[in-house]
Amino acid sequence: MASVYALLCAIDNYPNPKHVLQGCVRDMQGLKGYLEYHCQQENLELHLKVLSNEQVSRQALISAFDHFQAAKNGDQCLFFFGGHGSRCPAPEAFWH
């Protein structure tokens, strides 16, 4: 049986009240529900890791990617992030 490994992260509650968002966690929960339904309908095994709001620290997010280590050839991996983003120069390995 093929598997889907999903790491879903969303942040609405930021420390600065001007940065608070509405809907990121709700969107993540909607995607979670869709994945649960879809995987059941398609006879796929679903492995979920969900982080929201205060659970999403830099280190927690980096560590959460270990969730994908169990994926085997033919499995699917999905990462979802809802929240504020940022920009930084990409490492040269990603330029092309």
C-alpha atoms as a PDB file:
ATOM      1  CA  MET A   1       0.000   0.000   0.000  1.00  0.00           C
ATOM      2  CA  ALA A   2       1.386   3.405  -0.966  1.00  0.00           C
ATOM      3  CA  SER A   3       1.671   6.021   1.740  1.00  0.00           C
ATOM      4  CA  VAL A   4       1.339   9.777   1.967  1.00  0.00           C
ATOM      5  CA  TYR A   5       3.581  11.584   4.451  1.00  0.00           C
ATOM      6  CA  ALA A   6       2.287  15.068   5.204  1.00  0.00           C
ATOM      7  CA  LEU A   7       3.831  17.766   7.368  1.00  0.00           C
ATOM      8  CA  LEU A   8       1.290  20.531   7.944  1.00  0.00           C
ATOM      9  CA  CYS A   9       2.321  23.755   9.722  1.00  0.00           C
ATOM     10  CA  ALA A  10       0.337  26.941  10.252  1.00  0.00           C
ATOM     11  CA  ILE A  11       0.686  30.090  12.339  1.00  0.00           C
ATOM     12  CA  ASP A  12      -2.059  32.619  13.050  1.00  0.00           C
ATOM     13  CA  ASN A  13      -0.882  33.822  16.469  1.00  0.00           C
ATOM     14  CA  TYR A  14       2.243  35.941  16.138  1.00  0.00           C
ATOM     15  CA  PRO A  15       3.721  37.812  19.150  1.00  0.00           C
ATOM     16  CA  ASN A  16       3.147  41.221  17.552  1.00  0.00           C
ATOM     17  CA  PRO A  17      -0.619  41.934  17.427  1.00  0.00           C
ATOM     18  CA  LYS A  18      -0.110  43.761  14.112  1.00  0.00           C
ATOM     19  CA  HIS A  19       1.157  40.517  12.558  1.00  0.00           C
ATOM     20  CA  VAL A  20      -1.670  38.208  13.703  1.00  0.00           C
ATOM     21  CA  LEU A  21      -3.321  36.344  10.845  1.00  0.00           C
ATOM     22  CA  GLN A  22      -6.727  34.750  10.509  1.00  0.00           C
ATOM     23  CA  GLY A  23      -7.273  31.635   8.492  1.00  0.00           C
ATOM     24  CA  CYS A  24      -3.893  29.903   8.259  1.00  0.00           C
ATOM     25  CA  VAL A  25      -4.724  27.304  10.907  1.00  0.00           C
ATOM     26  CA  ARG A  26      -8.224  26.931   9.468  1.00  0.00           C
ATOM     27  CA  ASP A  27      -6.753  26.340   5.987  1.00  0.00           C
ATOM     28  CA  MET A  28      -4.393  23.729   7.420  1.00  0.00           C
ATOM     29  CA  GLN A  29      -7.267  21.961   9.163  1.00  0.00           C
ATOM     30  CA  GLY A  30      -9.194  21.964   5.883  1.00  0.00           C
ATOM     31  CA  LEU A  31      -6.249  20.394   4.072  1.00  0.00           C
ATOM     32  CA  LYS A  32      -5.902  17.826   6.861  1.00  0.00           C
ATOM     33  CA  GLY A  33      -9.551  16.857   6.457  1.00  0.00           C
ATOM     34  CA  TYR A  34      -9.168  16.630   2.686  1.00  0.00           C
ATOM     35  CA  LEU A  35      -6.084  14.405   2.998  1.00  0.00           C
ATOM     36  CA  GLU A  36      -7.826  12.113   5.480  1.00  0.00           C
ATOM     37  CA  TYR A  37     -10.831  11.752   3.178  1.00  0.00           C
ATOM     38  CA  HIS A  38      -8.799  11.406  -0.040  1.00  0.00           C
ATOM     39  CA  CYS A  39      -6.389   8.841   1.389  1.00  0.00           C
ATOM     40  CA  GLN A  40      -9.277   6.767   2.735  1.00  0.00           C
ATOM     41  CA  GLN A  41     -11.027   6.879  -0.661  1.00  0.00           C
ATOM     42  CA  GLU A  42      -7.832   5.970  -2.551  1.00  0.00           C
ATOM     43  CA  ASN A  43      -6.719   3.301  -0.061  1.00  0.00           C
ATOM     44  CA  LEU A  44      -3.553   5.233   0.806  1.00  0.00           C
ATOM     45  CA  GLU A  45      -1.945   5.108   4.222  1.00  0.00           C
ATOM     46  CA  LEU A  46      -1.705   8.636   5.662  1.00  0.00           C
ATOM     47  CA  HIS A  47       1.081   9.651   8.051  1.00  0.00           C
ATOM     48  CA  LEU A  48       0.402  13.149   9.405  1.00  0.00           C
ATOM     49  CA  LYS A  49       2.530  15.500  11.458  1.00  0.00           C
ATOM     50  CA  VAL A  50       0.736  18.723  12.397  1.00  0.00           C
ATOM     51  CA  LEU A  51       2.217  21.815  14.046  1.00  0.00           C
ATOM     52  CA  SER A  52       0.290  24.997  14.749  1.00  0.00           C
ATOM     53  CA  ASN A  53       0.900  28.384  16.328  1.00  0.00           C
ATOM     54  CA  GLU A  54       3.335  28.172  19.277  1.00  0.00           C
ATOM     55  CA  GLN A  55       4.385  24.629  18.259  1.00  0.00           C
ATOM     56  CA  VAL A  56       6.027  26.043  15.108  1.00  0.00           C
ATOM     57  CA  SER A  57       9.428  27.188  16.284  1.00  0.00           C
ATOM     58  CA  ARG A  58      12.443  27.218  13.987  1.00  0.00           C
ATOM     59  CA  GLN A  59      13.906  24.123  15.630  1.00  0.00           C
ATOM     60  CA  ALA A  60      10.573  22.288  15.775  1.00  0.00           C
ATOM     61  CA  LEU A  61      10.039  22.877  12.056  1.00  0.00           C
ATOM     62  CA  ILE A  62      13.553  21.694  11.159  1.00  0.00           C
ATOM     63  CA  SER A  63      13.131  18.598  13.335  1.00  0.00           C
ATOM     64  CA  ALA A  64       9.686  17.879  11.894  1.00  0.00           C
ATOM     65  CA  PHE A  65      11.214  17.196   8.480  1.00  0.00           C
ATOM     66  CA  ASP A  66      12.491  13.920   9.980  1.00  0.00           C
ATOM     67  CA  HIS A  67       8.866  12.809   9.508  1.00  0.00           C
ATOM     68  CA  PHE A  68       9.706  12.195   5.843  1.00  0.00           C
ATOM     69  CA  GLN A  69      12.579   9.801   6.620  1.00  0.00           C
ATOM     70  CA  ALA A  70      10.192   6.832   6.757  1.00  0.00           C
ATOM     71  CA  ALA A  71       8.937   7.428   3.195  1.00  0.00           C
ATOM     72  CA  LYS A  72       9.830   4.726   0.714  1.00  0.00           C
ATOM     73  CA  ASN A  73      10.043   4.620  -3.063  1.00  0.00           C
ATOM     74  CA  GLY A  74       6.559   5.248  -4.461  1.00  0.00           C
ATOM     75  CA  ASP A  75       5.314   7.172  -1.402  1.00  0.00           C
ATOM     76  CA  GLN A  76       4.331  10.821  -1.604  1.00  0.00           C
ATOM     77  CA  CYS A  77       5.558  13.622   0.673  1.00  0.00           C
ATOM     78  CA  LEU A  78       3.698  16.905   1.178  1.00  0.00           C
ATOM     79  CA  PHE A  79       4.788  19.988   3.107  1.00  0.00           C
ATOM     80  CA  PHE A  80       2.271  22.768   3.823  1.00  0.00           C
ATOM     81  CA  PHE A  81       3.034  26.051   5.549  1.00  0.00           C
ATOM     82  CA  GLY A  82       0.528  28.802   6.245  1.00  0.00           C
ATOM     83  CA  GLY A  83       1.760  32.012   7.820  1.00  0.00           C
ATOM     84  CA  HIS A  84       4.078  34.940   7.217  1.00  0.00           C
ATOM     85  CA  GLY A  85       7.070  34.200   5.054  1.00  0.00           C
ATOM     86  CA  SER A  86      10.382  35.863   4.476  1.00  0.00           C
ATOM     87  CA  ARG A  87      12.980  36.179   1.756  1.00  0.00           C
ATOM     88  CA  CYS A  88      16.623  35.333   1.703  1.00  0.00           C
ATOM     89  CA  PRO A  89      19.109  34.490  -1.042  1.00  0.00           C
ATOM     90  CA  ALA A  90      18.841  30.876  -2.188  1.00  0.00           C
ATOM     91  CA  PRO A  91      21.901  28.659  -1.935  1.00  0.00           C
ATOM     92  CA  GLU A  92      23.705  28.226  -5.233  1.00  0.00           C
ATOM     93  CA  ALA A  93      22.498  24.603  -5.457  1.00  0.00           C
ATOM     94  CA  PHE A  94      18.970  25.933  -6.125  1.00  0.00           C
ATOM     95  CA  TRP A  95      19.833  28.604  -8.715  1.00  0.00           C
ATOM     96  CA  HIS A  96      18.871  26.479 -11.691  1.00  0.00           C
END
